[in-house]
PDB file of N, CA and C in Angstrom:
ATOM      1  N   MET A   1     105.015  75.267 -14.995  1.00  0.00           N
ATOM      2  CA  MET A   1     105.360  76.039 -13.827  1.00  0.00           C
ATOM      3  C   MET A   1     105.484  77.585 -14.463  1.00  0.00           C
ATOM      4  N   SER A   2     104.828  78.415 -14.107  1.00  0.00           N
ATOM      5  CA  SER A   2     104.739  79.867 -14.504  1.00  0.00           C
ATOM      6  C   SER A   2     105.601  80.730 -13.495  1.00  0.00           C
ATOM      7  N   ASP A   3     106.436  81.496 -14.035  1.00  0.00           N
ATOM      8  CA  ASP A   3     107.209  82.476 -13.200  1.00  0.00           C
ATOM      9  C   ASP A   3     107.513  83.696 -13.902  1.00  0.00           C
ATOM     10  N   THR A   4     106.715  84.582 -13.973  1.00  0.00           N
ATOM     11  CA  THR A   4     106.818  85.762 -14.543  1.00  0.00           C
ATOM     12  C   THR A   4     107.484  86.837 -13.851  1.00  0.00           C
ATOM     13  N   GLY A   5     107.940  86.571 -12.656  1.00  0.00           N
ATOM     14  CA  GLY A   5     108.560  87.478 -11.843  1.00  0.00           C
ATOM     15  C   GLY A   5     107.590  88.201 -10.920  1.00  0.00           C
ATOM     16  N   GLU A   6     106.375  88.267 -11.373  1.00  0.00           N
ATOM     17  CA  GLU A   6     105.456  89.100 -10.658  1.00  0.00           C
ATOM     18  C   GLU A   6     104.441  88.017  -9.972  1.00  0.00           C
ATOM     19  N   THR A   7     104.159  88.004  -8.713  1.00  0.00           N
ATOM     20  CA  THR A   7     103.136  87.233  -8.188  1.00  0.00           C
ATOM     21  C   THR A   7     101.941  87.817  -7.937  1.00  0.00           C
ATOM     22  N   PRO A   8     100.683  87.316  -8.191  1.00  0.00           N
ATOM     23  CA  PRO A   8      99.414  87.729  -8.249  1.00  0.00           C
ATOM     24  C   PRO A   8      99.132  88.349  -6.801  1.00  0.00           C
ATOM     25  N   GLN A   9      98.285  89.424  -6.841  1.00  0.00           N
ATOM     26  CA  GLN A   9      97.788  89.808  -5.571  1.00  0.00           C
ATOM     27  C   GLN A   9      96.812  88.781  -5.035  1.00  0.00           C
ATOM     28  N   PHE A  10      96.764  88.625  -3.630  1.00  0.00           N
ATOM     29  CA  PHE A  10      96.005  87.521  -2.985  1.00  0.00           C
ATOM     30  C   PHE A  10      95.172  88.059  -2.001  1.00  0.00           C
ATOM     31  N   ASP A  11      93.997  87.405  -1.666  1.00  0.00           N
ATOM     32  CA  ASP A  11      93.105  87.973  -0.582  1.00  0.00           C
ATOM     33  C   ASP A  11      93.231  87.017   0.697  1.00  0.00           C
ATOM     34  N   LEU A  12      93.833  85.755   0.549  1.00  0.00           N
ATOM     35  CA  LEU A  12      93.855  84.873   1.715  1.00  0.00           C
ATOM     36  C   LEU A  12      95.174  83.995   1.500  1.00  0.00           C
ATOM     37  N   GLU A  13      95.825  83.669   2.611  1.00  0.00           N
ATOM     38  CA  GLU A  13      97.093  82.955   2.454  1.00  0.00           C
ATOM     39  C   GLU A  13      96.817  81.578   3.412  1.00  0.00           C
ATOM     40  N   VAL A  14      97.174  80.474   2.820  1.00  0.00           N
ATOM     41  CA  VAL A  14      97.403  79.153   3.626  1.00  0.00           C
ATOM     42  C   VAL A  14      98.712  78.679   3.560  1.00  0.00           C
ATOM     43  N   ASP A  15      99.270  78.484   4.793  1.00  0.00           N
ATOM     44  CA  ASP A  15     100.712  77.902   4.806  1.00  0.00           C
ATOM     45  C   ASP A  15     100.513  76.357   4.908  1.00  0.00           C
ATOM     46  N   ALA A  16     100.831  75.598   3.914  1.00  0.00           N
ATOM     47  CA  ALA A  16     100.588  74.204   4.059  1.00  0.00           C
ATOM     48  C   ALA A  16     102.016  73.563   3.971  1.00  0.00           C
ATOM     49  N   THR A  17     103.111  74.286   4.291  1.00  0.00           N
ATOM     50  CA  THR A  17     104.488  73.664   4.475  1.00  0.00           C
ATOM     51  C   THR A  17     104.605  72.568   5.316  1.00  0.00           C
ATOM     52  N   GLY A  18     105.237  71.562   4.988  1.00  0.00           N
ATOM     53  CA  GLY A  18     105.387  70.353   5.826  1.00  0.00           C
ATOM     54  C   GLY A  18     104.244  69.338   5.803  1.00  0.00           C
ATOM     55  N   LEU A  19     103.254  69.574   4.976  1.00  0.00           N
ATOM     56  CA  LEU A  19     102.061  68.860   4.994  1.00  0.00           C
ATOM     57  C   LEU A  19     102.176  67.963   3.625  1.00  0.00           C
ATOM     58  N   LYS A  20     101.580  66.837   3.873  1.00  0.00           N
ATOM     59  CA  LYS A  20     101.711  65.789   2.564  1.00  0.00           C
ATOM     60  C   LYS A  20     100.325  65.655   1.975  1.00  0.00           C
ATOM     61  N   CYS A  21     100.198  65.370   0.766  1.00  0.00           N
ATOM     62  CA  CYS A  21      98.944  65.208   0.102  1.00  0.00           C
ATOM     63  C   CYS A  21      98.146  64.136   0.887  1.00  0.00           C
ATOM     64  N   PRO A  22      96.884  64.374   1.075  1.00  0.00           N
ATOM     65  CA  PRO A  22      96.044  65.407   0.413  1.00  0.00           C
ATOM     66  C   PRO A  22      95.735  66.714   1.337  1.00  0.00           C
ATOM     67  N   LEU A  23      96.581  66.737   2.452  1.00  0.00           N
ATOM     68  CA  LEU A  23      96.156  68.041   3.301  1.00  0.00           C
ATOM     69  C   LEU A  23      96.193  69.336   2.605  1.00  0.00           C
ATOM     70  N   PRO A  24      97.405  69.516   1.885  1.00  0.00           N
ATOM     71  CA  PRO A  24      97.414  71.059   1.057  1.00  0.00           C
ATOM     72  C   PRO A  24      96.192  71.319   0.332  1.00  0.00           C
ATOM     73  N   ILE A  25      95.744  70.321  -0.441  1.00  0.00           N
ATOM     74  CA  ILE A  25      94.443  70.420  -1.042  1.00  0.00           C
ATOM     75  C   ILE A  25      93.303  70.733  -0.335  1.00  0.00           C
ATOM     76  N   LEU A  26      93.149  69.862   0.692  1.00  0.00           N
ATOM     77  CA  LEU A  26      91.999  70.090   1.730  1.00  0.00           C
ATOM     78  C   LEU A  26      91.898  71.380   2.372  1.00  0.00           C
ATOM     79  N   ARG A  27      93.092  71.884   2.709  1.00  0.00           N
ATOM     80  CA  ARG A  27      93.318  73.167   3.313  1.00  0.00           C
ATOM     81  C   ARG A  27      92.886  74.362   2.324  1.00  0.00           C
ATOM     82  N   ALA A  28      93.335  74.082   1.138  1.00  0.00           N
ATOM     83  CA  ALA A  28      93.041  75.090  -0.018  1.00  0.00           C
ATOM     84  C   ALA A  28      91.534  75.131  -0.188  1.00  0.00           C
ATOM     85  N   LYS A  29      90.883  73.881  -0.271  1.00  0.00           N
ATOM     86  CA  LYS A  29      89.513  73.711  -0.555  1.00  0.00           C
ATOM     87  C   LYS A  29      88.754  74.497   0.528  1.00  0.00           C
ATOM     88  N   LYS A  30      88.999  74.363   1.781  1.00  0.00           N
ATOM     89  CA  LYS A  30      88.436  74.873   2.994  1.00  0.00           C
ATOM     90  C   LYS A  30      88.492  76.449   2.929  1.00  0.00           C
ATOM     91  N   ALA A  31      89.763  77.036   2.538  1.00  0.00           N
ATOM     92  CA  ALA A  31      90.069  78.358   2.393  1.00  0.00           C
ATOM     93  C   ALA A  31      89.306  78.980   1.364  1.00  0.00           C
ATOM     94  N   LEU A  32      89.115  78.350   0.085  1.00  0.00           N
ATOM     95  CA  LEU A  32      88.488  78.921  -1.000  1.00  0.00           C
ATOM     96  C   LEU A  32      86.858  79.045  -0.714  1.00  0.00           C
ATOM     97  N   ALA A  33      86.365  78.256   0.225  1.00  0.00           N
ATOM     98  CA  ALA A  33      84.954  78.378   0.522  1.00  0.00           C
ATOM     99  C   ALA A  33      84.668  79.676   1.206  1.00  0.00           C
ATOM    100  N   GLN A  34      85.777  80.197   1.805  1.00  0.00           N
ATOM    101  CA  GLN A  34      85.653  81.603   2.617  1.00  0.00           C
ATOM    102  C   GLN A  34      85.703  82.624   1.646  1.00  0.00           C
ATOM    103  N   LEU A  35      86.097  82.450   0.366  1.00  0.00           N
ATOM    104  CA  LEU A  35      86.478  83.617  -0.526  1.00  0.00           C
ATOM    105  C   LEU A  35      85.107  83.888  -1.266  1.00  0.00           C
ATOM    106  N   GLN A  36      84.981  85.059  -1.929  1.00  0.00           N
ATOM    107  CA  GLN A  36      84.054  85.419  -3.046  1.00  0.00           C
ATOM    108  C   GLN A  36      84.654  84.988  -4.234  1.00  0.00           C
ATOM    109  N   SER A  37      83.666  84.887  -5.369  1.00  0.00           N
ATOM    110  CA  SER A  37      84.174  84.611  -6.622  1.00  0.00           C
ATOM    111  C   SER A  37      85.129  85.638  -7.187  1.00  0.00           C
ATOM    112  N   GLY A  38      86.170  85.291  -7.712  1.00  0.00           N
ATOM    113  CA  GLY A  38      87.211  86.120  -8.231  1.00  0.00           C
ATOM    114  C   GLY A  38      88.277  86.396  -7.369  1.00  0.00           C
ATOM    115  N   GLN A  39      88.118  86.177  -6.029  1.00  0.00           N
ATOM    116  CA  GLN A  39      89.225  86.461  -5.014  1.00  0.00           C
ATOM    117  C   GLN A  39      90.362  85.446  -5.149  1.00  0.00           C
ATOM    118  N   VAL A  40      91.372  85.641  -4.638  1.00  0.00           N
ATOM    119  CA  VAL A  40      92.744  84.908  -5.002  1.00  0.00           C
ATOM    120  C   VAL A  40      93.134  84.340  -3.517  1.00  0.00           C
ATOM    121  N   LEU A  41      93.565  82.972  -3.831  1.00  0.00           N
ATOM    122  CA  LEU A  41      94.130  82.288  -2.645  1.00  0.00           C
ATOM    123  C   LEU A  41      95.509  81.954  -2.800  1.00  0.00           C
ATOM    124  N   LYS A  42      96.354  82.133  -1.932  1.00  0.00           N
ATOM    125  CA  LYS A  42      97.878  81.878  -1.991  1.00  0.00           C
ATOM    126  C   LYS A  42      98.013  80.631  -1.124  1.00  0.00           C
ATOM    127  N   VAL A  43      98.749  79.567  -1.643  1.00  0.00           N
ATOM    128  CA  VAL A  43      98.854  78.466  -0.939  1.00  0.00           C
ATOM    129  C   VAL A  43     100.358  78.083  -0.884  1.00  0.00           C
ATOM    130  N   ILE A  44     101.215  77.975   0.142  1.00  0.00           N
ATOM    131  CA  ILE A  44     102.518  77.641   0.079  1.00  0.00           C
ATOM    132  C   ILE A  44     102.804  76.112   0.500  1.00  0.00           C
ATOM    133  N   THR A  45     103.372  75.288  -0.262  1.00  0.00           N
ATOM    134  CA  THR A  45     103.564  73.861  -0.033  1.00  0.00           C
ATOM    135  C   THR A  45     104.967  73.520  -0.117  1.00  0.00           C
ATOM    136  N   THR A  46     105.325  72.273   0.501  1.00  0.00           N
ATOM    137  CA  THR A  46     106.617  71.769   0.371  1.00  0.00           C
ATOM    138  C   THR A  46     106.580  70.260  -0.244  1.00  0.00           C
ATOM    139  N   ASP A  47     105.378  69.788  -0.309  1.00  0.00           N
ATOM    140  CA  ASP A  47     105.053  68.518  -0.984  1.00  0.00           C
ATOM    141  C   ASP A  47     105.551  68.590  -2.356  1.00  0.00           C
ATOM    142  N   PRO A  48     106.544  67.550  -2.812  1.00  0.00           N
ATOM    143  CA  PRO A  48     106.888  67.587  -4.245  1.00  0.00           C
ATOM    144  C   PRO A  48     105.706  67.215  -5.285  1.00  0.00           C
ATOM    145  N   HIS A  49     104.710  66.630  -4.721  1.00  0.00           N
ATOM    146  CA  HIS A  49     103.516  66.260  -5.588  1.00  0.00           C
ATOM    147  C   HIS A  49     102.526  67.369  -5.719  1.00  0.00           C
ATOM    148  N   ALA A  50     102.695  68.429  -4.942  1.00  0.00           N
ATOM    149  CA  ALA A  50     101.718  69.415  -4.844  1.00  0.00           C
ATOM    150  C   ALA A  50     101.589  70.325  -6.251  1.00  0.00           C
ATOM    151  N   VAL A  51     102.480  70.363  -6.911  1.00  0.00           N
ATOM    152  CA  VAL A  51     102.325  70.922  -8.341  1.00  0.00           C
ATOM    153  C   VAL A  51     101.356  70.307  -9.200  1.00  0.00           C
ATOM    154  N   ARG A  52     101.565  69.057  -9.311  1.00  0.00           N
ATOM    155  CA  ARG A  52     100.460  68.312 -10.051  1.00  0.00           C
ATOM    156  C   ARG A  52      99.113  68.167  -9.344  1.00  0.00           C
ATOM    157  N   ASP A  53      99.110  68.079  -8.061  1.00  0.00           N
ATOM    158  CA  ASP A  53      97.960  68.083  -7.274  1.00  0.00           C
ATOM    159  C   ASP A  53      97.124  69.264  -7.589  1.00  0.00           C
ATOM    160  N   PHE A  54      97.658  70.571  -7.520  1.00  0.00           N
ATOM    161  CA  PHE A  54      96.918  71.737  -7.618  1.00  0.00           C
ATOM    162  C   PHE A  54      96.558  71.837  -9.165  1.00  0.00           C
ATOM    163  N   GLN A  55      97.277  71.382 -10.041  1.00  0.00           N
ATOM    164  CA  GLN A  55      96.837  71.395 -11.414  1.00  0.00           C
ATOM    165  C   GLN A  55      95.545  70.596 -11.606  1.00  0.00           C
ATOM    166  N   ALA A  56      95.650  69.436 -11.011  1.00  0.00           N
ATOM    167  CA  ALA A  56      94.373  68.552 -11.223  1.00  0.00           C
ATOM    168  C   ALA A  56      93.226  69.198 -10.389  1.00  0.00           C
ATOM    169  N   PHE A  57      93.547  69.664  -9.214  1.00  0.00           N
ATOM    170  CA  PHE A  57      92.456  70.365  -8.320  1.00  0.00           C
ATOM    171  C   PHE A  57      91.788  71.380  -9.243  1.00  0.00           C
ATOM    172  N   SER A  58      92.560  72.317  -9.840  1.00  0.00           N
ATOM    173  CA  SER A  58      92.012  73.418 -10.615  1.00  0.00           C
ATOM    174  C   SER A  58      91.185  72.987 -11.638  1.00  0.00           C
ATOM    175  N   LYS A  59      91.578  71.878 -12.524  1.00  0.00           N
ATOM    176  CA  LYS A  59      90.763  71.326 -13.514  1.00  0.00           C
ATOM    177  C   LYS A  59      89.420  70.819 -13.004  1.00  0.00           C
ATOM    178  N   GLN A  60      89.435  69.984 -11.852  1.00  0.00           N
ATOM    179  CA  GLN A  60      88.462  69.420 -11.250  1.00  0.00           C
ATOM    180  C   GLN A  60      87.436  70.395 -10.810  1.00  0.00           C
ATOM    181  N   THR A  61      87.805  71.407 -10.106  1.00  0.00           N
ATOM    182  CA  THR A  61      86.872  72.412  -9.538  1.00  0.00           C
ATOM    183  C   THR A  61      86.433  73.633 -10.247  1.00  0.00           C
ATOM    184  N   GLY A  62      87.203  73.870 -11.247  1.00  0.00           N
ATOM    185  CA  GLY A  62      86.996  75.125 -11.870  1.00  0.00           C
ATOM    186  C   GLY A  62      87.466  76.393 -11.515  1.00  0.00           C
ATOM    187  N   ASN A  63      88.355  76.181 -10.256  1.00  0.00           N
ATOM    188  CA  ASN A  63      89.017  77.397  -9.713  1.00  0.00           C
ATOM    189  C   ASN A  63      90.274  77.614 -10.522  1.00  0.00           C
ATOM    190  N   GLY A  64      90.529  78.828 -10.949  1.00  0.00           N
ATOM    191  CA  GLY A  64      91.683  79.072 -11.840  1.00  0.00           C
ATOM    192  C   GLY A  64      92.893  78.990 -11.083  1.00  0.00           C
ATOM    193  N   LEU A  65      94.050  78.368 -11.803  1.00  0.00           N
ATOM    194  CA  LEU A  65      95.313  78.372 -11.250  1.00  0.00           C
ATOM    195  C   LEU A  65      96.070  79.423 -11.898  1.00  0.00           C
ATOM    196  N   LEU A  66      96.259  80.582 -11.262  1.00  0.00           N
ATOM    197  CA  LEU A  66      96.982  81.649 -11.847  1.00  0.00           C
ATOM    198  C   LEU A  66      98.460  81.562 -12.052  1.00  0.00           C
ATOM    199  N   ALA A  67      99.112  80.961 -11.060  1.00  0.00           N
ATOM    200  CA  ALA A  67     100.501  80.796 -11.053  1.00  0.00           C
ATOM    201  C   ALA A  67     100.873  79.659 -10.210  1.00  0.00           C
ATOM    202  N   GLN A  68     102.071  79.137 -10.396  1.00  0.00           N
ATOM    203  CA  GLN A  68     102.748  78.160  -9.377  1.00  0.00           C
ATOM    204  C   GLN A  68     104.337  78.702  -9.636  1.00  0.00           C
ATOM    205  N   VAL A  69     104.734  79.215  -8.384  1.00  0.00           N
ATOM    206  CA  VAL A  69     106.090  79.818  -8.380  1.00  0.00           C
ATOM    207  C   VAL A  69     106.917  79.076  -7.482  1.00  0.00           C
ATOM    208  N   GLU A  70     107.949  78.490  -7.938  1.00  0.00           N
ATOM    209  CA  GLU A  70     108.921  77.785  -7.227  1.00  0.00           C
ATOM    210  C   GLU A  70     109.909  78.698  -6.394  1.00  0.00           C
ATOM    211  N   GLY A  71     109.933  78.375  -5.049  1.00  0.00           N
ATOM    212  CA  GLY A  71     110.847  79.088  -4.161  1.00  0.00           C
ATOM    213  C   GLY A  71     111.948  78.154  -3.774  1.00  0.00           C
ATOM    214  N   GLU A  72     112.627  78.480  -2.743  1.00  0.00           N
ATOM    215  CA  GLU A  72     113.697  77.610  -2.198  1.00  0.00           C
ATOM    216  C   GLU A  72     113.060  76.552  -1.292  1.00  0.00           C
ATOM    217  N   GLY A  73     112.914  75.407  -1.839  1.00  0.00           N
ATOM    218  CA  GLY A  73     112.278  74.236  -1.019  1.00  0.00           C
ATOM    219  C   GLY A  73     110.775  74.312  -1.001  1.00  0.00           C
ATOM    220  N   ASN A  74     110.242  75.193  -1.760  1.00  0.00           N
ATOM    221  CA  ASN A  74     108.588  75.291  -1.662  1.00  0.00           C
ATOM    222  C   ASN A  74     108.051  75.808  -3.034  1.00  0.00           C
ATOM    223  N   VAL A  75     106.732  75.601  -3.139  1.00  0.00           N
ATOM    224  CA  VAL A  75     106.088  76.149  -4.371  1.00  0.00           C
ATOM    225  C   VAL A  75     104.926  76.872  -3.741  1.00  0.00           C
ATOM    226  N   THR A  76     104.684  78.111  -4.391  1.00  0.00           N
ATOM    227  CA  THR A  76     103.519  78.833  -4.019  1.00  0.00           C
ATOM    228  C   THR A  76     102.460  78.802  -5.110  1.00  0.00           C
ATOM    229  N   HIS A  77     101.336  78.538  -4.940  1.00  0.00           N
ATOM    230  CA  HIS A  77     100.272  78.323  -5.739  1.00  0.00           C
ATOM    231  C   HIS A  77      99.175  79.433  -5.505  1.00  0.00           C
ATOM    232  N   PHE A  78      98.784  79.952  -6.694  1.00  0.00           N
ATOM    233  CA  PHE A  78      97.770  81.024  -6.694  1.00  0.00           C
ATOM    234  C   PHE A  78      96.514  80.686  -7.383  1.00  0.00           C
ATOM    235  N   LEU A  79      95.402  80.503  -6.531  1.00  0.00           N
ATOM    236  CA  LEU A  79      94.097  80.103  -7.111  1.00  0.00           C
ATOM    237  C   LEU A  79      93.050  81.100  -7.040  1.00  0.00           C
ATOM    238  N   ALA A  80      92.449  81.358  -8.141  1.00  0.00           N
ATOM    239  CA  ALA A  80      91.290  82.249  -8.268  1.00  0.00           C
ATOM    240  C   ALA A  80      89.928  81.429  -8.043  1.00  0.00           C
ATOM    241  N   ARG A  81      89.165  81.961  -7.043  1.00  0.00           N
ATOM    242  CA  ARG A  81      87.758  81.314  -6.809  1.00  0.00           C
ATOM    243  C   ARG A  81      86.991  81.548  -7.921  1.00  0.00           C
ATOM    244  N   ARG A  82      86.285  80.481  -8.338  1.00  0.00           N
ATOM    245  CA  ARG A  82      85.372  80.469  -9.463  1.00  0.00           C
ATOM    246  C   ARG A  82      83.929  81.210  -9.025  1.00  0.00           C
TER     247      ARG A  82
END
């Protein structure tokens, strides 16, 4: 879990709070399809499994996982479109 204090700039945001797996990943996949290569997607999740899910999704798809920042009751994921 990286938390450097600075969050990456992003081009599109998806609020997946309250959604359980696989919905946050599906929403992220759909949103990434709208972005150009190199653009950044911010996804906010509350599912405790989302941290692992997004790490696996990043490896499988080649989209870069720039950061995963824990907040109060949520985790924000930043993905760079490949």
